[in-house]
Amino acid sequence: MFDRRFFSSQLGQAALVSIAAMVAFTIFAGMLPTAGSQTMLVGTPLVELA
């Protein structure tokens, strides 16, 4: 899909940084405690859509 010339360009390097940030966010989001306990649900803000 992409060749080495793309990743050596400035746009390709920005794409690699973006992919790394998404992977890091996914890993850290998976480490968060689940909202299974009642104390977690009390502090959770509620958003209602009309």
PDB file of N, CA and C in Angstrom:
ATOM      1  N   MET A   1       0.822  -1.185   0.000  1.00  0.00           N
ATOM      2  CA  MET A   1       0.000   0.000   0.000  1.00  0.00           C
ATOM      3  C   MET A   1       0.874   1.260   0.000  1.00  0.00           C
ATOM      4  N   PHE A   2       1.891   1.285   0.832  1.00  0.00           N
ATOM      5  CA  PHE A   2       2.820   2.407   0.868  1.00  0.00           C
ATOM      6  C   PHE A   2       4.212   1.878   0.588  1.00  0.00           C
ATOM      7  N   ASP A   3       5.037   2.693  -0.039  1.00  0.00           N
ATOM      8  CA  ASP A   3       6.414   2.283  -0.266  1.00  0.00           C
ATOM      9  C   ASP A   3       7.362   3.076   0.641  1.00  0.00           C
ATOM     10  N   ARG A   4       8.631   2.777   0.561  1.00  0.00           N
ATOM     11  CA  ARG A   4       9.617   3.412   1.441  1.00  0.00           C
ATOM     12  C   ARG A   4       9.735   4.909   1.184  1.00  0.00           C
ATOM     13  N   ARG A   5       9.496   5.335  -0.033  1.00  0.00           N
ATOM     14  CA  ARG A   5       9.583   6.773  -0.328  1.00  0.00           C
ATOM     15  C   ARG A   5       8.516   7.563   0.421  1.00  0.00           C
ATOM     16  N   PHE A   6       7.332   6.964   0.585  1.00  0.00           N
ATOM     17  CA  PHE A   6       6.276   7.660   1.305  1.00  0.00           C
ATOM     18  C   PHE A   6       6.659   7.873   2.762  1.00  0.00           C
ATOM     19  N   PHE A   7       7.188   6.833   3.407  1.00  0.00           N
ATOM     20  CA  PHE A   7       7.527   6.944   4.823  1.00  0.00           C
ATOM     21  C   PHE A   7       8.765   7.796   5.073  1.00  0.00           C
ATOM     22  N   SER A   8       9.554   8.046   4.045  1.00  0.00           N
ATOM     23  CA  SER A   8      10.695   8.944   4.221  1.00  0.00           C
ATOM     24  C   SER A   8      10.296  10.405   4.024  1.00  0.00           C
ATOM     25  N   SER A   9       9.088  10.636   3.509  1.00  0.00           N
ATOM     26  CA  SER A   9       8.617  12.009   3.337  1.00  0.00           C
ATOM     27  C   SER A   9       8.071  12.551   4.658  1.00  0.00           C
ATOM     28  N   GLN A  10       7.854  13.840   4.700  1.00  0.00           N
ATOM     29  CA  GLN A  10       7.336  14.467   5.926  1.00  0.00           C
ATOM     30  C   GLN A  10       5.911  13.990   6.222  1.00  0.00           C
ATOM     31  N   LEU A  11       5.120  13.814   5.190  1.00  0.00           N
ATOM     32  CA  LEU A  11       3.755  13.315   5.377  1.00  0.00           C
ATOM     33  C   LEU A  11       3.758  11.879   5.888  1.00  0.00           C
ATOM     34  N   GLY A  12       4.650  11.068   5.371  1.00  0.00           N
ATOM     35  CA  GLY A  12       4.746   9.686   5.827  1.00  0.00           C
ATOM     36  C   GLY A  12       5.182   9.592   7.274  1.00  0.00           C
ATOM     37  N   GLN A  13       6.112  10.448   7.684  1.00  0.00           N
ATOM     38  CA  GLN A  13       6.548  10.450   9.079  1.00  0.00           C
ATOM     39  C   GLN A  13       5.423  10.907   9.996  1.00  0.00           C
ATOM     40  N   ALA A  14       4.632  11.883   9.550  1.00  0.00           N
ATOM     41  CA  ALA A  14       3.478  12.317  10.339  1.00  0.00           C
ATOM     42  C   ALA A  14       2.451  11.186  10.451  1.00  0.00           C
ATOM     43  N   ALA A  15       2.294  10.412   9.389  1.00  0.00           N
ATOM     44  CA  ALA A  15       1.371   9.274   9.438  1.00  0.00           C
ATOM     45  C   ALA A  15       1.848   8.229  10.437  1.00  0.00           C
ATOM     46  N   LEU A  16       3.159   7.968  10.476  1.00  0.00           N
ATOM     47  CA  LEU A  16       3.696   7.000  11.440  1.00  0.00           C
ATOM     48  C   LEU A  16       3.499   7.471  12.872  1.00  0.00           C
ATOM     49  N   VAL A  17       3.705   8.764  13.118  1.00  0.00           N
ATOM     50  CA  VAL A  17       3.497   9.314  14.458  1.00  0.00           C
ATOM     51  C   VAL A  17       2.021   9.206  14.844  1.00  0.00           C
ATOM     52  N   SER A  18       1.133   9.461  13.902  1.00  0.00           N
ATOM     53  CA  SER A  18      -0.298   9.364  14.170  1.00  0.00           C
ATOM     54  C   SER A  18      -0.700   7.925  14.496  1.00  0.00           C
ATOM     55  N   ILE A  19      -0.165   6.974  13.766  1.00  0.00           N
ATOM     56  CA  ILE A  19      -0.471   5.568  14.027  1.00  0.00           C
ATOM     57  C   ILE A  19       0.047   5.161  15.398  1.00  0.00           C
ATOM     58  N   ALA A  20       1.262   5.604  15.731  1.00  0.00           N
ATOM     59  CA  ALA A  20       1.835   5.274  17.042  1.00  0.00           C
ATOM     60  C   ALA A  20       1.001   5.880  18.167  1.00  0.00           C
ATOM     61  N   ALA A  21       0.488   7.101  17.968  1.00  0.00           N
ATOM     62  CA  ALA A  21      -0.343   7.741  18.986  1.00  0.00           C
ATOM     63  C   ALA A  21      -1.660   6.983  19.165  1.00  0.00           C
ATOM     64  N   MET A  22      -2.257   6.525  18.076  1.00  0.00           N
ATOM     65  CA  MET A  22      -3.504   5.763  18.183  1.00  0.00           C
ATOM     66  C   MET A  22      -3.289   4.437  18.903  1.00  0.00           C
ATOM     67  N   VAL A  23      -2.165   3.780  18.622  1.00  0.00           N
ATOM     68  CA  VAL A  23      -1.864   2.512  19.291  1.00  0.00           C
ATOM     69  C   VAL A  23      -1.643   2.748  20.781  1.00  0.00           C
ATOM     70  N   ALA A  24      -0.893   3.804  21.122  1.00  0.00           N
ATOM     71  CA  ALA A  24      -0.645   4.114  22.536  1.00  0.00           C
ATOM     72  C   ALA A  24      -1.945   4.446  23.255  1.00  0.00           C
ATOM     73  N   PHE A  25      -2.818   5.214  22.607  1.00  0.00           N
ATOM     74  CA  PHE A  25      -4.107   5.548  23.223  1.00  0.00           C
ATOM     75  C   PHE A  25      -4.939   4.297  23.471  1.00  0.00           C
ATOM     76  N   THR A  26      -4.947   3.387  22.519  1.00  0.00           N
ATOM     77  CA  THR A  26      -5.707   2.153  22.670  1.00  0.00           C
ATOM     78  C   THR A  26      -5.161   1.310  23.818  1.00  0.00           C
ATOM     79  N   ILE A  27      -3.830   1.254  23.939  1.00  0.00           N
ATOM     80  CA  ILE A  27      -3.228   0.470  25.025  1.00  0.00           C
ATOM     81  C   ILE A  27      -3.562   1.093  26.373  1.00  0.00           C
ATOM     82  N   PHE A  28      -3.403   2.412  26.490  1.00  0.00           N
ATOM     83  CA  PHE A  28      -3.679   3.068  27.764  1.00  0.00           C
ATOM     84  C   PHE A  28      -5.162   3.057  28.104  1.00  0.00           C
ATOM     85  N   ALA A  29      -6.031   3.138  27.105  1.00  0.00           N
ATOM     86  CA  ALA A  29      -7.470   3.071  27.364  1.00  0.00           C
ATOM     87  C   ALA A  29      -7.858   1.679  27.860  1.00  0.00           C
ATOM     88  N   GLY A  30      -7.155   0.660  27.405  1.00  0.00           N
ATOM     89  CA  GLY A  30      -7.433  -0.696  27.871  1.00  0.00           C
ATOM     90  C   GLY A  30      -6.974  -0.923  29.294  1.00  0.00           C
ATOM     91  N   MET A  31      -6.057  -0.102  29.780  1.00  0.00           N
ATOM     92  CA  MET A  31      -5.558  -0.247  31.144  1.00  0.00           C
ATOM     93  C   MET A  31      -6.447   0.429  32.172  1.00  0.00           C
ATOM     94  N   LEU A  32      -7.379   1.265  31.750  1.00  0.00           N
ATOM     95  CA  LEU A  32      -8.249   1.963  32.687  1.00  0.00           C
ATOM     96  C   LEU A  32      -9.158   0.974  33.391  1.00  0.00           C
ATOM     97  N   PRO A  33      -9.478   1.234  34.655  1.00  0.00           N
ATOM     98  CA  PRO A  33     -10.390   0.321  35.361  1.00  0.00           C
ATOM     99  C   PRO A  33     -11.783   0.390  34.738  1.00  0.00           C
ATOM    100  N   THR A  34     -12.464  -0.714  34.771  1.00  0.00           N
ATOM    101  CA  THR A  34     -13.815  -0.751  34.202  1.00  0.00           C
ATOM    102  C   THR A  34     -14.803  -0.058  35.131  1.00  0.00           C
ATOM    103  N   ALA A  35     -15.914   0.360  34.582  1.00  0.00           N
ATOM    104  CA  ALA A  35     -16.932   1.065  35.364  1.00  0.00           C
ATOM    105  C   ALA A  35     -17.926   0.074  35.949  1.00  0.00           C
ATOM    106  N   GLY A  36     -17.425  -0.999  36.512  1.00  0.00           N
ATOM    107  CA  GLY A  36     -18.295  -2.025  37.062  1.00  0.00           C
ATOM    108  C   GLY A  36     -18.736  -1.740  38.485  1.00  0.00           C
ATOM    109  N   SER A  37     -17.967  -0.942  39.202  1.00  0.00           N
ATOM    110  CA  SER A  37     -18.317  -0.674  40.588  1.00  0.00           C
ATOM    111  C   SER A  37     -19.221   0.555  40.685  1.00  0.00           C
ATOM    112  N   GLN A  38     -19.971   0.632  41.767  1.00  0.00           N
ATOM    113  CA  GLN A  38     -20.907   1.737  41.964  1.00  0.00           C
ATOM    114  C   GLN A  38     -20.168   3.056  42.168  1.00  0.00           C
ATOM    115  N   THR A  39     -18.991   3.026  42.773  1.00  0.00           N
ATOM    116  CA  THR A  39     -18.247   4.265  43.010  1.00  0.00           C
ATOM    117  C   THR A  39     -17.780   4.881  41.702  1.00  0.00           C
ATOM    118  N   MET A  40     -17.492   4.058  40.718  1.00  0.00           N
ATOM    119  CA  MET A  40     -17.084   4.579  39.414  1.00  0.00           C
ATOM    120  C   MET A  40     -18.267   5.238  38.705  1.00  0.00           C
ATOM    121  N   LEU A  41     -19.456   4.688  38.883  1.00  0.00           N
ATOM    122  CA  LEU A  41     -20.622   5.237  38.199  1.00  0.00           C
ATOM    123  C   LEU A  41     -21.054   6.579  38.782  1.00  0.00           C
ATOM    124  N   VAL A  42     -20.757   6.838  40.027  1.00  0.00           N
ATOM    125  CA  VAL A  42     -21.152   8.100  40.652  1.00  0.00           C
ATOM    126  C   VAL A  42     -20.371   9.257  40.049  1.00  0.00           C
ATOM    127  N   GLY A  43     -19.091   9.049  39.773  1.00  0.00           N
ATOM    128  CA  GLY A  43     -18.258  10.114  39.256  1.00  0.00           C
ATOM    129  C   GLY A  43     -18.314  10.274  37.751  1.00  0.00           C
ATOM    130  N   THR A  44     -19.056   9.433  37.055  1.00  0.00           N
ATOM    131  CA  THR A  44     -19.119   9.486  35.605  1.00  0.00           C
ATOM    132  C   THR A  44     -20.099  10.573  35.156  1.00  0.00           C
ATOM    133  N   PRO A  45     -19.654  11.528  34.346  1.00  0.00           N
ATOM    134  CA  PRO A  45     -20.589  12.552  33.869  1.00  0.00           C
ATOM    135  C   PRO A  45     -21.606  11.947  32.888  1.00  0.00           C
ATOM    136  N   LEU A  46     -22.798  12.479  32.906  1.00  0.00           N
ATOM    137  CA  LEU A  46     -23.867  11.970  32.063  1.00  0.00           C
ATOM    138  C   LEU A  46     -24.139  12.958  30.939  1.00  0.00           C
ATOM    139  N   VAL A  47     -24.143  12.463  29.718  1.00  0.00           N
ATOM    140  CA  VAL A  47     -24.417  13.303  28.559  1.00  0.00           C
ATOM    141  C   VAL A  47     -25.667  12.757  27.885  1.00  0.00           C
ATOM    142  N   GLU A  48     -26.651  13.616  27.698  1.00  0.00           N
ATOM    143  CA  GLU A  48     -27.879  13.198  27.038  1.00  0.00           C
ATOM    144  C   GLU A  48     -27.978  13.903  25.696  1.00  0.00           C
ATOM    145  N   LEU A  49     -28.317  13.154  24.683  1.00  0.00           N
ATOM    146  CA  LEU A  49     -28.495  13.717  23.349  1.00  0.00           C
ATOM    147  C   LEU A  49     -29.983  13.907  23.085  1.00  0.00           C
ATOM    148  N   ALA A  50     -30.337  15.048  22.545  1.00  0.00           N
ATOM    149  CA  ALA A  50     -31.737  15.332  22.274  1.00  0.00           C
ATOM    150  C   ALA A  50     -32.167  14.676  20.986  1.00  0.00           C
TER     151      ALA A  50
END
